[in-house]
Structures are given as C-alpha cells and as structure tokens.
Amino acid sequence: MAANQVVSRTVIINAPPERVFEVLANPYEHANFDGSGSVRGQLHGPERLELGAKFGMRMRILLPYRIENEVVEFEADRLIAWRHTGHHRWRYALEPAEGGTRVTESFDWGTARSPKALELLGYPKRNARSIEQTLARLKKLIEERTG
C-alpha cells in the first residue's frame, strides 16, 4: 500500500479487540456505525465475515444503488478489509492499547483500478471526514453496548 494513497484515522475504544472485531465482522452492523451516511443496510452475505466472504450492501450517494464487496484481508480480532469492483479498500486494523483497543480505519485508493479518478473526484478528502465520523460512531456504539 502506497502511503500517499491511503488516508487513515485512529481512535481508542474502551473495549477489548475481540468485541470491536465482532461488530466490524458483522455486515449487518455496518449501517449502524457508518459515518458517511451512504451505507443503508445489507442485502446479502454471511452474519460473520471471513477472508473471501462476499456481501452486498444497499447504498446511497445522491441516488440509491447496490454494491458488492469481498473481504480481501482478514486476521481475526486484528485486521479486516474489503473492496468492491473499483478495488479500493476500506481497512480496519486493531491493536490492544491502554484503555481498550486502538482502531485505525483506512481508505486505500492505491489498490483502485483508477486511483487518479478517485483523487480528481475528491474521494480521499471526503473519506477522511467520513472516517472520523465512522470511528466516533463505532466508539459510541461499542462503548454503549459494553457498558
């Protein structure tokens, strides 16, 4: 992954890595913590993701559409990433940290079929803001459930 084609943000969540990963690996949960406002719910797929798992989501950016995703990186309780036809990736890396789990979400457009087009359309900057909102929502969701 080219560092200049990845935007990442990090948050500490007051919960163990396995609890955070449980939420991330459940595609039915994604709309509950998405900070972009584009994820509207799951169409199909397993209840728990694993390497190679495919899942479809209902989305909306200006107009409703559907997207198919595939898990392309997976290490239980540590790392999960998926991509769709454009091949750019959304990645979550988890590390134990004082006070819980350090969660780093990344948007990696270096793996995209057309990274320059994504840059010209402003996706990296827009996704940086969405990642910040997603991590805040994820933190709140998990910490409220954990108590």
C-alpha atoms as a PDB file:
ATOM      1  CA  MET A   1       0.000   0.000   0.000  1.00  0.00           C
ATOM      2  CA  ALA A   2       1.411   3.354  -1.047  1.00  0.00           C
ATOM      3  CA  ALA A   3       1.397   5.719   1.946  1.00  0.00           C
ATOM      4  CA  ASN A   4       0.483   8.664  -0.262  1.00  0.00           C
ATOM      5  CA  GLN A   5      -2.663   6.873  -1.425  1.00  0.00           C
ATOM      6  CA  VAL A   6      -4.049   5.974   1.990  1.00  0.00           C
ATOM      7  CA  VAL A   7      -5.963   8.164   4.391  1.00  0.00           C
ATOM      8  CA  SER A   8      -6.313   6.876   7.965  1.00  0.00           C
ATOM      9  CA  ARG A   9      -7.651   7.954  11.309  1.00  0.00           C
ATOM     10  CA  THR A  10      -7.369   6.297  14.718  1.00  0.00           C
ATOM     11  CA  VAL A  11      -9.459   6.125  17.880  1.00  0.00           C
ATOM     12  CA  ILE A  12      -9.208   4.273  21.201  1.00  0.00           C
ATOM     13  CA  ILE A  13     -12.343   2.299  22.049  1.00  0.00           C
ATOM     14  CA  ASN A  14     -12.882   1.208  25.641  1.00  0.00           C
ATOM     15  CA  ALA A  15     -13.459  -2.453  24.794  1.00  0.00           C
ATOM     16  CA  PRO A  16     -11.284  -5.466  24.012  1.00  0.00           C
ATOM     17  CA  PRO A  17     -10.238  -6.106  20.381  1.00  0.00           C
ATOM     18  CA  GLU A  18     -12.494  -9.160  20.044  1.00  0.00           C
ATOM     19  CA  ARG A  19     -15.570  -7.071  20.947  1.00  0.00           C
ATOM     20  CA  VAL A  20     -14.668  -4.391  18.377  1.00  0.00           C
ATOM     21  CA  PHE A  21     -13.909  -7.001  15.736  1.00  0.00           C
ATOM     22  CA  GLU A  22     -17.238  -8.722  16.389  1.00  0.00           C
ATOM     23  CA  VAL A  23     -19.025  -5.555  15.236  1.00  0.00           C
ATOM     24  CA  LEU A  24     -16.734  -4.928  12.248  1.00  0.00           C
ATOM     25  CA  ALA A  25     -17.002  -8.524  11.014  1.00  0.00           C
ATOM     26  CA  ASN A  26     -20.816  -8.420  11.063  1.00  0.00           C
ATOM     27  CA  PRO A  27     -22.005  -6.719   7.862  1.00  0.00           C
ATOM     28  CA  TYR A  28     -25.479  -6.303   9.375  1.00  0.00           C
ATOM     29  CA  GLU A  29     -23.876  -3.779  11.758  1.00  0.00           C
ATOM     30  CA  HIS A  30     -22.198  -1.585   9.119  1.00  0.00           C
ATOM     31  CA  ALA A  31     -25.094   0.847   8.678  1.00  0.00           C
ATOM     32  CA  ASN A  32     -25.122   1.362  12.473  1.00  0.00           C
ATOM     33  CA  PHE A  33     -21.650   2.915  12.556  1.00  0.00           C
ATOM     34  CA  ASP A  34     -21.143   4.278   9.024  1.00  0.00           C
ATOM     35  CA  GLY A  35     -20.244   7.951   9.274  1.00  0.00           C
ATOM     36  CA  SER A  36     -20.560   8.716   5.559  1.00  0.00           C
ATOM     37  CA  GLY A  37     -24.322   8.334   5.529  1.00  0.00           C
ATOM     38  CA  SER A  38     -24.076   6.183   2.398  1.00  0.00           C
ATOM     39  CA  VAL A  39     -24.489   2.671   3.865  1.00  0.00           C
ATOM     40  CA  ARG A  40     -28.197   1.886   4.115  1.00  0.00           C
ATOM     41  CA  GLY A  41     -28.130  -1.815   5.037  1.00  0.00           C
ATOM     42  CA  GLN A  42     -27.065  -5.273   3.993  1.00  0.00           C
ATOM     43  CA  LEU A  43     -28.651  -7.090   1.057  1.00  0.00           C
ATOM     44  CA  HIS A  44     -26.967 -10.464   1.400  1.00  0.00           C
ATOM     45  CA  GLY A  45     -23.978 -12.213   2.886  1.00  0.00           C
ATOM     46  CA  PRO A  46     -22.909 -14.100   5.970  1.00  0.00           C
ATOM     47  CA  GLU A  47     -23.531 -12.925   9.506  1.00  0.00           C
ATOM     48  CA  ARG A  48     -19.785 -13.028  10.163  1.00  0.00           C
ATOM     49  CA  LEU A  49     -17.236 -12.071   7.556  1.00  0.00           C
ATOM     50  CA  GLU A  50     -14.071 -14.030   6.813  1.00  0.00           C
ATOM     51  CA  LEU A  51     -11.419 -13.955   4.097  1.00  0.00           C
ATOM     52  CA  GLY A  52     -13.093 -14.254   0.692  1.00  0.00           C
ATOM     53  CA  ALA A  53     -16.610 -13.628   2.032  1.00  0.00           C
ATOM     54  CA  LYS A  54     -18.871 -11.636  -0.278  1.00  0.00           C
ATOM     55  CA  PHE A  55     -21.617  -9.334   0.883  1.00  0.00           C
ATOM     56  CA  GLY A  56     -23.913  -6.855  -0.784  1.00  0.00           C
ATOM     57  CA  MET A  57     -24.981  -3.517   0.632  1.00  0.00           C
ATOM     58  CA  ARG A  58     -27.693  -1.008  -0.117  1.00  0.00           C
ATOM     59  CA  MET A  59     -26.034   2.390  -0.562  1.00  0.00           C
ATOM     60  CA  ARG A  60     -26.941   5.958  -1.373  1.00  0.00           C
ATOM     61  CA  ILE A  61     -24.744   8.759  -2.654  1.00  0.00           C
ATOM     62  CA  LEU A  62     -27.142  11.130  -4.401  1.00  0.00           C
ATOM     63  CA  LEU A  63     -29.107   8.128  -5.738  1.00  0.00           C
ATOM     64  CA  PRO A  64     -29.700   4.657  -4.291  1.00  0.00           C
ATOM     65  CA  TYR A  65     -27.535   1.833  -5.594  1.00  0.00           C
ATOM     66  CA  ARG A  66     -26.220  -1.579  -4.588  1.00  0.00           C
ATOM     67  CA  ILE A  67     -22.624  -2.603  -4.150  1.00  0.00           C
ATOM     68  CA  GLU A  68     -20.921  -5.987  -3.870  1.00  0.00           C
ATOM     69  CA  ASN A  69     -17.941  -6.323  -1.525  1.00  0.00           C
ATOM     70  CA  GLU A  70     -15.344  -9.008  -0.920  1.00  0.00           C
ATOM     71  CA  VAL A  71     -13.201  -9.430   2.188  1.00  0.00           C
ATOM     72  CA  VAL A  72      -9.605  -9.292   0.939  1.00  0.00           C
ATOM     73  CA  GLU A  73      -7.662  -9.045   4.220  1.00  0.00           C
ATOM     74  CA  PHE A  74      -8.561 -10.870   7.393  1.00  0.00           C
ATOM     75  CA  GLU A  75      -6.893 -11.700  10.674  1.00  0.00           C
ATOM     76  CA  ALA A  76      -9.380 -12.430  13.457  1.00  0.00           C
ATOM     77  CA  ASP A  77      -9.528  -9.692  16.111  1.00  0.00           C
ATOM     78  CA  ARG A  78      -6.745  -7.724  14.346  1.00  0.00           C
ATOM     79  CA  LEU A  79      -7.478  -6.831  10.702  1.00  0.00           C
ATOM     80  CA  ILE A  80     -10.306  -6.776   8.198  1.00  0.00           C
ATOM     81  CA  ALA A  81     -10.532  -5.097   4.797  1.00  0.00           C
ATOM     82  CA  TRP A  82     -12.953  -5.270   1.908  1.00  0.00           C
ATOM     83  CA  ARG A  83     -13.187  -3.932  -1.596  1.00  0.00           C
ATOM     84  CA  HIS A  84     -15.732  -3.754  -4.375  1.00  0.00           C
ATOM     85  CA  THR A  85     -15.382  -3.603  -8.156  1.00  0.00           C
ATOM     86  CA  GLY A  86     -13.339  -0.408  -8.010  1.00  0.00           C
ATOM     87  CA  HIS A  87     -10.747  -2.329  -5.941  1.00  0.00           C
ATOM     88  CA  HIS A  88     -10.148   0.485  -3.442  1.00  0.00           C
ATOM     89  CA  ARG A  89     -10.216  -0.830   0.117  1.00  0.00           C
ATOM     90  CA  TRP A  90     -11.663   0.019   3.471  1.00  0.00           C
ATOM     91  CA  ARG A  91      -9.445  -1.422   6.180  1.00  0.00           C
ATOM     92  CA  TYR A  92      -9.746  -1.682   9.963  1.00  0.00           C
ATOM     93  CA  ALA A  93      -6.638  -2.542  11.994  1.00  0.00           C
ATOM     94  CA  LEU A  94      -6.995  -3.261  15.714  1.00  0.00           C
ATOM     95  CA  GLU A  95      -4.313  -3.242  18.403  1.00  0.00           C
ATOM     96  CA  PRO A  96      -4.628  -3.697  22.152  1.00  0.00           C
ATOM     97  CA  ALA A  97      -3.982  -0.357  23.838  1.00  0.00           C
ATOM     98  CA  GLU A  98      -4.143   1.138  27.287  1.00  0.00           C
ATOM     99  CA  GLY A  99      -7.824   1.727  27.893  1.00  0.00           C
ATOM    100  CA  GLY A 100      -9.031  -0.738  25.272  1.00  0.00           C
ATOM    101  CA  THR A 101      -8.375  -1.072  21.556  1.00  0.00           C
ATOM    102  CA  ARG A 102      -6.649   1.245  19.103  1.00  0.00           C
ATOM    103  CA  VAL A 103      -8.740   1.126  15.916  1.00  0.00           C
ATOM    104  CA  THR A 104      -7.310   2.539  12.697  1.00  0.00           C
ATOM    105  CA  GLU A 105      -9.648   2.845   9.739  1.00  0.00           C
ATOM    106  CA  SER A 106      -8.072   3.436   6.334  1.00  0.00           C
ATOM    107  CA  PHE A 107      -9.308   4.223   2.864  1.00  0.00           C
ATOM    108  CA  ASP A 108      -6.708   2.811   0.462  1.00  0.00           C
ATOM    109  CA  TRP A 109      -7.158   4.012  -3.091  1.00  0.00           C
ATOM    110  CA  GLY A 110      -3.699   2.836  -4.152  1.00  0.00           C
ATOM    111  CA  THR A 111      -5.289  -0.547  -4.864  1.00  0.00           C
ATOM    112  CA  ALA A 112      -8.012   1.013  -7.038  1.00  0.00           C
ATOM    113  CA  ARG A 113      -8.420   0.339 -10.722  1.00  0.00           C
ATOM    114  CA  SER A 114      -8.291   4.093 -11.304  1.00  0.00           C
ATOM    115  CA  PRO A 115      -6.682   5.876  -8.339  1.00  0.00           C
ATOM    116  CA  LYS A 116      -6.248   9.146 -10.237  1.00  0.00           C
ATOM    117  CA  ALA A 117     -10.005   9.314 -10.945  1.00  0.00           C
ATOM    118  CA  LEU A 118     -10.747   8.917  -7.232  1.00  0.00           C
ATOM    119  CA  GLU A 119      -8.328  11.741  -6.447  1.00  0.00           C
ATOM    120  CA  LEU A 120      -9.873  14.012  -9.086  1.00  0.00           C
ATOM    121  CA  LEU A 121     -13.353  13.283  -7.700  1.00  0.00           C
ATOM    122  CA  GLY A 122     -12.180  14.239  -4.182  1.00  0.00           C
ATOM    123  CA  TYR A 123     -12.749  10.851  -2.535  1.00  0.00           C
ATOM    124  CA  PRO A 124      -9.635  10.873  -0.314  1.00  0.00           C
ATOM    125  CA  LYS A 125     -10.533  14.178   1.360  1.00  0.00           C
ATOM    126  CA  ARG A 126     -14.235  13.318   1.639  1.00  0.00           C
ATOM    127  CA  ASN A 127     -13.439   9.864   3.015  1.00  0.00           C
ATOM    128  CA  ALA A 128     -11.098  11.333   5.647  1.00  0.00           C
ATOM    129  CA  ARG A 129     -14.074  13.229   7.103  1.00  0.00           C
ATOM    130  CA  SER A 130     -16.286  10.147   6.858  1.00  0.00           C
ATOM    131  CA  ILE A 131     -13.684   8.007   8.634  1.00  0.00           C
ATOM    132  CA  GLU A 132     -13.585  10.462  11.549  1.00  0.00           C
ATOM    133  CA  GLN A 133     -17.372  10.284  11.836  1.00  0.00           C
ATOM    134  CA  THR A 134     -17.401   6.499  11.442  1.00  0.00           C
ATOM    135  CA  LEU A 135     -14.845   5.979  14.200  1.00  0.00           C
ATOM    136  CA  ALA A 136     -16.789   8.271  16.549  1.00  0.00           C
ATOM    137  CA  ARG A 137     -19.986   6.314  15.849  1.00  0.00           C
ATOM    138  CA  LEU A 138     -18.212   2.959  16.214  1.00  0.00           C
ATOM    139  CA  LYS A 139     -16.741   4.042  19.554  1.00  0.00           C
ATOM    140  CA  LYS A 140     -20.106   5.203  20.857  1.00  0.00           C
ATOM    141  CA  LEU A 141     -21.927   2.073  19.632  1.00  0.00           C
ATOM    142  CA  ILE A 142     -19.451  -0.366  21.195  1.00  0.00           C
ATOM    143  CA  GLU A 143     -18.926   1.520  24.445  1.00  0.00           C
ATOM    144  CA  GLU A 144     -22.689   1.867  24.994  1.00  0.00           C
ATOM    145  CA  ARG A 145     -23.133  -1.877  24.442  1.00  0.00           C
ATOM    146  CA  THR A 146     -20.147  -2.776  26.596  1.00  0.00           C
ATOM    147  CA  GLY A 147     -21.333  -0.588  29.477  1.00  0.00           C
END
